[in-house]
């Protein structure tokens, strides 16, 4: 390997020293990284795009995702402000007291499709879960 064509002069001095036995920085090694640069990217059999087009596409998709997140954050802030204002005005809604349980912790065999029995079983299950939880949260008193 011809190091004179690959490395600048200041690096060549260190390489020559290391190849001649000066190993205070360790044995001489050469690491390389190889890129295969094709002019186009084949997406499928009928569609090929150039690298700049692919880069622009990725940038636009990334920008769109970023804008969606920014919009969602501002919308969430608006909903938060509306909820705080409703709470201060004493306007309570049923959603303020709704709890979503993604999976019912009781199997259908246990309550025999009886909604009243299911309510009682879920209520006792929730009571068991929250029995050990803190009953008062100091930070919520400031709202």
N, C-alpha and C. Protein backbone atom coordinates (compact mmCIF):
# COMPACT_ATOMS: atom_id res chain seq x y z
N UNK A 1 0.85 -1.17 0.00
CA UNK A 1 0.00 0.00 0.00
C UNK A 1 0.89 1.23 0.00
N UNK A 2 0.57 2.17 -0.87
CA UNK A 2 1.36 3.39 -0.98
C UNK A 2 0.73 4.46 -0.09
N UNK A 3 1.34 4.69 1.09
CA UNK A 3 0.79 5.64 2.05
C UNK A 3 0.95 7.09 1.60
N UNK A 4 1.88 7.34 0.69
CA UNK A 4 2.10 8.71 0.22
C UNK A 4 0.90 9.25 -0.54
N UNK A 5 0.17 8.39 -1.21
CA UNK A 5 -1.00 8.83 -1.97
C UNK A 5 -2.26 8.92 -1.11
N UNK A 6 -2.23 8.30 0.05
CA UNK A 6 -3.43 8.25 0.88
C UNK A 6 -3.40 9.28 2.00
N UNK A 7 -2.25 9.38 2.70
CA UNK A 7 -2.17 10.22 3.90
C UNK A 7 -1.37 11.49 3.64
N UNK A 8 -1.70 12.60 4.33
CA UNK A 8 -0.91 13.82 4.20
C UNK A 8 0.47 13.63 4.82
N UNK A 9 1.37 14.58 4.58
CA UNK A 9 2.78 14.44 5.01
C UNK A 9 2.94 14.28 6.51
N UNK A 10 2.16 15.03 7.33
CA UNK A 10 2.33 14.91 8.79
C UNK A 10 1.94 13.53 9.29
N UNK A 11 0.98 12.89 8.64
CA UNK A 11 0.62 11.52 9.03
C UNK A 11 1.66 10.53 8.53
N UNK A 12 2.25 10.80 7.39
CA UNK A 12 3.23 9.88 6.84
C UNK A 12 4.44 9.74 7.76
N UNK A 13 4.84 10.85 8.43
CA UNK A 13 5.98 10.80 9.34
C UNK A 13 5.70 9.82 10.48
N UNK A 14 4.52 9.91 11.07
CA UNK A 14 4.18 9.01 12.17
C UNK A 14 4.09 7.57 11.69
N UNK A 15 3.53 7.35 10.49
CA UNK A 15 3.43 5.99 9.97
C UNK A 15 4.81 5.39 9.72
N UNK A 16 5.72 6.17 9.15
CA UNK A 16 7.07 5.67 8.90
C UNK A 16 7.75 5.30 10.21
N UNK A 17 7.60 6.16 11.24
CA UNK A 17 8.19 5.86 12.56
C UNK A 17 7.63 4.54 13.11
N UNK A 18 6.32 4.37 12.98
CA UNK A 18 5.70 3.18 13.55
C UNK A 18 6.09 1.92 12.78
N UNK A 19 6.23 2.03 11.45
CA UNK A 19 6.67 0.88 10.67
C UNK A 19 8.14 0.55 10.90
N UNK A 20 8.93 1.55 11.36
CA UNK A 20 10.35 1.33 11.64
C UNK A 20 10.60 0.89 13.08
N UNK A 21 9.52 0.61 13.85
CA UNK A 21 9.72 0.05 15.18
C UNK A 21 9.34 0.95 16.33
N UNK A 22 9.02 2.22 16.12
CA UNK A 22 8.61 3.11 17.20
C UNK A 22 7.14 2.81 17.52
N UNK A 23 6.92 1.95 18.51
CA UNK A 23 5.56 1.50 18.82
C UNK A 23 5.04 2.04 20.15
N UNK A 24 5.46 3.24 20.56
CA UNK A 24 4.95 3.79 21.82
C UNK A 24 3.45 4.10 21.73
N UNK A 25 2.93 4.28 20.54
CA UNK A 25 1.49 4.47 20.36
C UNK A 25 0.81 3.17 19.94
N UNK A 26 1.49 2.08 20.01
CA UNK A 26 0.93 0.80 19.61
C UNK A 26 1.40 0.41 18.22
N UNK A 27 1.11 -0.82 17.81
CA UNK A 27 1.54 -1.28 16.49
C UNK A 27 0.79 -0.53 15.39
N UNK A 28 1.42 -0.36 14.22
CA UNK A 28 0.75 0.36 13.14
C UNK A 28 -0.41 -0.44 12.57
N UNK A 29 -1.54 0.18 12.47
CA UNK A 29 -2.70 -0.44 11.85
C UNK A 29 -3.36 0.58 10.93
N UNK A 30 -4.00 0.08 9.93
CA UNK A 30 -4.71 0.94 8.99
C UNK A 30 -6.16 0.46 8.95
N UNK A 31 -7.07 1.39 9.20
CA UNK A 31 -8.51 1.10 9.14
C UNK A 31 -9.08 1.88 7.97
N UNK A 32 -10.01 1.28 7.27
CA UNK A 32 -10.60 2.00 6.15
C UNK A 32 -12.11 1.82 6.15
N UNK A 33 -12.76 2.74 5.54
CA UNK A 33 -14.21 2.70 5.40
C UNK A 33 -14.50 2.88 3.92
N UNK A 34 -15.27 1.99 3.35
CA UNK A 34 -15.52 2.00 1.92
C UNK A 34 -17.01 2.25 1.68
N UNK A 35 -17.31 3.17 0.80
CA UNK A 35 -18.68 3.47 0.42
C UNK A 35 -18.88 3.05 -1.03
N UNK A 36 -19.99 2.43 -1.29
CA UNK A 36 -20.37 2.10 -2.66
C UNK A 36 -21.38 3.14 -3.10
N UNK A 37 -21.00 3.99 -4.02
CA UNK A 37 -21.88 5.08 -4.42
C UNK A 37 -22.48 4.78 -5.77
N UNK A 38 -23.75 4.42 -5.72
CA UNK A 38 -24.51 4.21 -6.95
C UNK A 38 -25.22 5.53 -7.27
N UNK A 39 -25.37 5.87 -8.52
CA UNK A 39 -26.04 7.14 -8.86
C UNK A 39 -27.55 7.12 -8.57
N UNK A 40 -28.16 5.93 -8.56
CA UNK A 40 -29.60 5.85 -8.31
C UNK A 40 -29.88 4.78 -7.25
N UNK A 41 -31.04 4.91 -6.66
CA UNK A 41 -31.51 3.93 -5.68
C UNK A 41 -32.73 3.24 -6.28
N UNK A 42 -32.69 1.93 -6.33
CA UNK A 42 -33.82 1.19 -6.89
C UNK A 42 -34.79 0.86 -5.77
N UNK A 43 -35.97 1.47 -5.79
CA UNK A 43 -36.98 1.25 -4.76
C UNK A 43 -37.69 -0.06 -5.03
N UNK A 44 -38.13 -0.27 -6.23
CA UNK A 44 -38.69 -1.56 -6.66
C UNK A 44 -38.35 -1.74 -8.13
N UNK A 45 -38.94 -2.73 -8.75
CA UNK A 45 -38.59 -3.03 -10.15
C UNK A 45 -38.91 -1.89 -11.11
N UNK A 46 -39.95 -1.13 -10.81
CA UNK A 46 -40.39 -0.08 -11.74
C UNK A 46 -39.99 1.32 -11.32
N UNK A 47 -39.37 1.48 -10.18
CA UNK A 47 -39.14 2.82 -9.65
C UNK A 47 -37.71 2.97 -9.15
N UNK A 48 -36.97 3.89 -9.75
CA UNK A 48 -35.64 4.24 -9.27
C UNK A 48 -35.60 5.75 -9.07
N UNK A 49 -34.87 6.16 -8.05
CA UNK A 49 -34.73 7.59 -7.78
C UNK A 49 -33.26 7.90 -7.56
N UNK A 50 -32.90 9.15 -7.80
CA UNK A 50 -31.51 9.54 -7.60
C UNK A 50 -31.28 9.79 -6.11
N UNK A 51 -30.02 9.84 -5.72
CA UNK A 51 -29.69 10.08 -4.31
C UNK A 51 -30.18 11.45 -3.84
N UNK A 52 -30.04 12.52 -4.61
CA UNK A 52 -30.59 13.80 -4.14
C UNK A 52 -32.11 13.77 -3.98
N UNK A 53 -32.81 13.07 -4.89
CA UNK A 53 -34.26 12.95 -4.74
C UNK A 53 -34.63 12.19 -3.47
N UNK A 54 -33.90 11.13 -3.19
CA UNK A 54 -34.16 10.35 -1.97
C UNK A 54 -33.88 11.19 -0.74
N UNK A 55 -32.82 11.97 -0.77
CA UNK A 55 -32.50 12.84 0.37
C UNK A 55 -33.60 13.87 0.58
N UNK A 56 -34.08 14.48 -0.49
CA UNK A 56 -35.16 15.46 -0.36
C UNK A 56 -36.43 14.80 0.18
N UNK A 57 -36.72 13.59 -0.27
CA UNK A 57 -37.90 12.87 0.22
C UNK A 57 -37.79 12.62 1.72
N UNK A 58 -36.64 12.16 2.17
CA UNK A 58 -36.43 11.91 3.60
C UNK A 58 -36.56 13.21 4.40
N UNK A 59 -36.03 14.29 3.87
CA UNK A 59 -36.12 15.58 4.56
C UNK A 59 -37.58 16.02 4.67
N UNK A 60 -38.37 15.89 3.60
CA UNK A 60 -39.77 16.30 3.65
C UNK A 60 -40.59 15.43 4.60
N UNK A 61 -40.31 14.14 4.61
CA UNK A 61 -41.02 13.27 5.56
C UNK A 61 -40.66 13.64 6.98
N UNK A 62 -39.38 13.87 7.24
CA UNK A 62 -38.93 14.27 8.56
C UNK A 62 -39.56 15.59 8.98
N UNK A 63 -39.63 16.53 8.07
CA UNK A 63 -40.24 17.83 8.36
C UNK A 63 -41.74 17.68 8.66
N UNK A 64 -42.42 16.83 7.90
CA UNK A 64 -43.85 16.61 8.13
C UNK A 64 -44.08 16.00 9.52
N UNK A 65 -43.26 15.04 9.90
CA UNK A 65 -43.39 14.42 11.23
C UNK A 65 -43.12 15.46 12.31
N UNK A 66 -42.12 16.29 12.10
CA UNK A 66 -41.81 17.34 13.07
C UNK A 66 -42.98 18.30 13.23
N UNK A 67 -43.60 18.71 12.12
CA UNK A 67 -44.74 19.62 12.18
C UNK A 67 -45.94 18.99 12.89
N UNK A 68 -46.15 17.70 12.67
CA UNK A 68 -47.23 17.01 13.38
C UNK A 68 -46.98 17.02 14.88
N UNK A 69 -45.76 16.76 15.30
CA UNK A 69 -45.44 16.79 16.73
C UNK A 69 -45.60 18.20 17.31
N UNK A 70 -45.15 19.21 16.58
CA UNK A 70 -45.31 20.59 17.07
C UNK A 70 -46.79 20.92 17.22
N UNK A 71 -47.60 20.57 16.22
CA UNK A 71 -49.04 20.82 16.29
C UNK A 71 -49.65 20.08 17.48
N UNK A 72 -49.27 18.83 17.69
CA UNK A 72 -49.81 18.05 18.80
C UNK A 72 -49.45 18.66 20.15
N UNK A 73 -48.24 19.16 20.28
CA UNK A 73 -47.82 19.77 21.55
C UNK A 73 -48.63 21.03 21.82
N UNK A 74 -48.82 21.89 20.81
CA UNK A 74 -49.63 23.09 21.01
C UNK A 74 -51.08 22.75 21.30
N UNK A 75 -51.62 21.75 20.62
CA UNK A 75 -53.00 21.34 20.86
C UNK A 75 -53.15 20.79 22.28
N UNK A 76 -52.19 20.01 22.72
CA UNK A 76 -52.23 19.47 24.08
C UNK A 76 -52.17 20.60 25.11
N UNK A 77 -51.37 21.61 24.84
CA UNK A 77 -51.28 22.76 25.74
C UNK A 77 -52.62 23.48 25.81
N UNK A 78 -53.29 23.63 24.66
CA UNK A 78 -54.61 24.26 24.65
C UNK A 78 -55.61 23.45 25.47
N UNK A 79 -55.62 22.12 25.28
CA UNK A 79 -56.53 21.28 26.05
C UNK A 79 -56.22 21.35 27.54
N UNK A 80 -54.95 21.42 27.87
CA UNK A 80 -54.58 21.52 29.28
C UNK A 80 -55.10 22.84 29.87
N UNK A 81 -54.91 23.94 29.16
CA UNK A 81 -55.40 25.24 29.64
C UNK A 81 -56.92 25.24 29.77
N UNK A 82 -57.63 24.64 28.80
CA UNK A 82 -59.09 24.57 28.88
C UNK A 82 -59.54 23.74 30.07
N UNK A 83 -58.87 22.63 30.34
CA UNK A 83 -59.24 21.78 31.47
C UNK A 83 -59.01 22.50 32.79
N UNK A 84 -57.91 23.21 32.90
CA UNK A 84 -57.63 23.96 34.13
C UNK A 84 -58.68 25.05 34.33
N UNK A 85 -59.04 25.74 33.25
CA UNK A 85 -60.05 26.80 33.34
C UNK A 85 -61.41 26.21 33.72
N UNK A 86 -61.78 25.07 33.14
CA UNK A 86 -63.05 24.41 33.49
C UNK A 86 -63.06 24.01 34.96
N UNK A 87 -61.93 23.48 35.43
CA UNK A 87 -61.85 23.05 36.83
C UNK A 87 -62.00 24.25 37.77
N UNK A 88 -61.36 25.36 37.42
CA UNK A 88 -61.46 26.56 38.25
C UNK A 88 -62.87 27.14 38.24
N UNK A 89 -63.58 27.00 37.12
CA UNK A 89 -64.95 27.51 37.01
C UNK A 89 -65.97 26.52 37.57
N UNK A 90 -65.53 25.37 38.00
CA UNK A 90 -66.45 24.37 38.55
C UNK A 90 -67.24 23.63 37.50
N UNK A 91 -66.78 23.64 36.27
CA UNK A 91 -67.48 22.95 35.18
C UNK A 91 -66.88 21.56 35.04
N UNK A 92 -67.49 20.60 35.65
CA UNK A 92 -66.99 19.23 35.60
C UNK A 92 -67.75 18.45 34.53
N UNK A 93 -67.05 17.57 33.86
CA UNK A 93 -67.65 16.72 32.84
C UNK A 93 -67.46 15.27 33.25
N UNK A 94 -68.20 14.40 32.60
CA UNK A 94 -68.09 12.98 32.91
C UNK A 94 -66.69 12.47 32.58
N UNK A 95 -66.03 13.09 31.58
CA UNK A 95 -64.66 12.66 31.23
C UNK A 95 -63.68 12.90 32.36
N UNK A 96 -64.01 13.83 33.25
CA UNK A 96 -63.11 14.08 34.38
C UNK A 96 -63.08 12.92 35.35
N UNK A 97 -64.07 12.05 35.28
CA UNK A 97 -64.17 10.94 36.22
C UNK A 97 -64.10 9.59 35.53
N UNK A 98 -63.79 9.57 34.24
CA UNK A 98 -63.75 8.34 33.48
C UNK A 98 -62.38 7.69 33.59
N UNK A 99 -62.38 6.38 33.80
CA UNK A 99 -61.14 5.61 33.86
C UNK A 99 -61.21 4.56 32.77
N UNK A 100 -60.22 4.54 31.91
CA UNK A 100 -60.16 3.55 30.85
C UNK A 100 -59.32 2.37 31.31
N UNK A 101 -59.90 1.20 31.26
CA UNK A 101 -59.18 -0.03 31.60
C UNK A 101 -59.03 -0.80 30.29
N UNK A 102 -57.81 -0.84 29.72
CA UNK A 102 -57.65 -1.47 28.40
C UNK A 102 -58.00 -2.96 28.39
N UNK A 103 -57.70 -3.66 29.46
CA UNK A 103 -58.03 -5.07 29.54
C UNK A 103 -58.75 -5.31 30.86
N UNK A 104 -59.91 -5.92 30.78
CA UNK A 104 -60.66 -6.20 32.01
C UNK A 104 -59.89 -7.26 32.79
N UNK A 105 -59.61 -6.99 34.08
CA UNK A 105 -58.80 -7.93 34.86
C UNK A 105 -59.57 -9.17 35.31
N UNK A 106 -60.81 -9.29 34.88
CA UNK A 106 -61.65 -10.43 35.27
C UNK A 106 -62.01 -11.20 34.01
N UNK A 107 -61.88 -12.50 34.04
CA UNK A 107 -62.22 -13.29 32.85
C UNK A 107 -63.73 -13.39 32.69
N UNK A 108 -64.24 -13.51 31.45
CA UNK A 108 -65.70 -13.58 31.22
C UNK A 108 -66.36 -14.75 31.95
N UNK A 109 -65.62 -15.82 32.18
CA UNK A 109 -66.21 -16.97 32.88
C UNK A 109 -66.58 -16.64 34.32
N UNK A 110 -65.85 -15.69 34.90
CA UNK A 110 -66.07 -15.37 36.31
C UNK A 110 -67.32 -14.51 36.53
N UNK A 111 -67.69 -13.67 35.56
CA UNK A 111 -68.86 -12.80 35.78
C UNK A 111 -70.06 -13.19 34.92
N UNK A 112 -69.97 -14.24 34.15
CA UNK A 112 -71.08 -14.82 33.38
C UNK A 112 -71.86 -13.77 32.57
N UNK A 113 -71.14 -12.81 31.96
CA UNK A 113 -71.74 -11.75 31.14
C UNK A 113 -72.79 -10.94 31.89
N UNK A 114 -72.65 -10.85 33.19
CA UNK A 114 -73.55 -10.04 34.01
C UNK A 114 -72.85 -8.72 34.30
N UNK A 115 -73.31 -7.58 33.73
CA UNK A 115 -72.62 -6.30 33.91
C UNK A 115 -72.56 -5.85 35.36
N UNK A 116 -73.59 -6.13 36.14
CA UNK A 116 -73.59 -5.71 37.55
C UNK A 116 -72.52 -6.47 38.33
N UNK A 117 -72.40 -7.75 38.07
CA UNK A 117 -71.37 -8.55 38.75
C UNK A 117 -69.98 -8.09 38.31
N UNK A 118 -69.84 -7.77 37.01
CA UNK A 118 -68.56 -7.26 36.51
C UNK A 118 -68.20 -5.94 37.19
N UNK A 119 -69.16 -5.02 37.33
CA UNK A 119 -68.90 -3.75 38.01
C UNK A 119 -68.40 -3.99 39.43
N UNK A 120 -69.05 -4.89 40.14
CA UNK A 120 -68.66 -5.16 41.53
C UNK A 120 -67.26 -5.77 41.58
N UNK A 121 -66.95 -6.68 40.67
CA UNK A 121 -65.64 -7.33 40.68
C UNK A 121 -64.53 -6.33 40.31
N UNK A 122 -64.79 -5.48 39.30
CA UNK A 122 -63.79 -4.49 38.90
C UNK A 122 -63.60 -3.46 40.00
N UNK A 123 -64.68 -3.05 40.64
CA UNK A 123 -64.58 -2.08 41.73
C UNK A 123 -63.73 -2.62 42.87
N UNK A 124 -63.96 -3.87 43.25
CA UNK A 124 -63.13 -4.44 44.33
C UNK A 124 -61.69 -4.60 43.89
N UNK A 125 -61.47 -4.93 42.61
CA UNK A 125 -60.11 -5.05 42.09
C UNK A 125 -59.38 -3.70 42.15
N UNK A 126 -60.07 -2.64 41.72
CA UNK A 126 -59.47 -1.31 41.74
C UNK A 126 -59.22 -0.86 43.17
N UNK A 127 -60.14 -1.16 44.07
CA UNK A 127 -59.94 -0.80 45.48
C UNK A 127 -58.71 -1.47 46.06
N UNK A 128 -58.48 -2.73 45.70
CA UNK A 128 -57.28 -3.44 46.16
C UNK A 128 -56.02 -2.79 45.63
N UNK A 129 -56.06 -2.33 44.39
CA UNK A 129 -54.88 -1.72 43.78
C UNK A 129 -54.56 -0.38 44.43
N UNK A 130 -55.58 0.46 44.64
CA UNK A 130 -55.31 1.81 45.16
C UNK A 130 -55.27 1.88 46.68
N UNK A 131 -55.49 0.77 47.36
CA UNK A 131 -55.49 0.80 48.83
C UNK A 131 -54.14 1.26 49.37
N UNK A 132 -53.06 0.89 48.74
CA UNK A 132 -51.73 1.27 49.22
C UNK A 132 -51.20 2.55 48.64
N UNK A 133 -51.96 3.20 47.74
CA UNK A 133 -51.50 4.43 47.09
C UNK A 133 -51.67 5.63 48.00
N UNK A 134 -50.93 6.69 47.72
CA UNK A 134 -51.06 7.94 48.45
C UNK A 134 -52.44 8.51 48.19
N UNK A 135 -53.13 8.92 49.23
CA UNK A 135 -54.50 9.38 49.11
C UNK A 135 -54.60 10.87 48.82
N UNK A 136 -53.54 11.61 49.03
CA UNK A 136 -53.59 13.05 48.81
C UNK A 136 -52.32 13.46 48.08
N UNK A 137 -52.46 14.23 47.03
CA UNK A 137 -51.33 14.72 46.26
C UNK A 137 -51.24 16.22 46.49
N UNK A 138 -50.19 16.65 47.15
CA UNK A 138 -50.05 18.05 47.56
C UNK A 138 -50.06 19.01 46.37
N UNK A 139 -49.43 18.64 45.27
CA UNK A 139 -49.28 19.56 44.14
C UNK A 139 -50.61 19.87 43.47
N UNK A 140 -51.62 18.99 43.61
CA UNK A 140 -52.90 19.23 42.98
C UNK A 140 -53.74 20.26 43.73
N UNK A 141 -53.40 20.56 44.96
CA UNK A 141 -54.14 21.55 45.73
C UNK A 141 -53.95 22.96 45.18
N UNK A 142 -52.88 23.20 44.43
CA UNK A 142 -52.58 24.52 43.92
C UNK A 142 -53.42 24.90 42.70
N UNK A 143 -54.06 23.95 42.07
CA UNK A 143 -54.82 24.22 40.84
C UNK A 143 -56.07 24.99 41.16
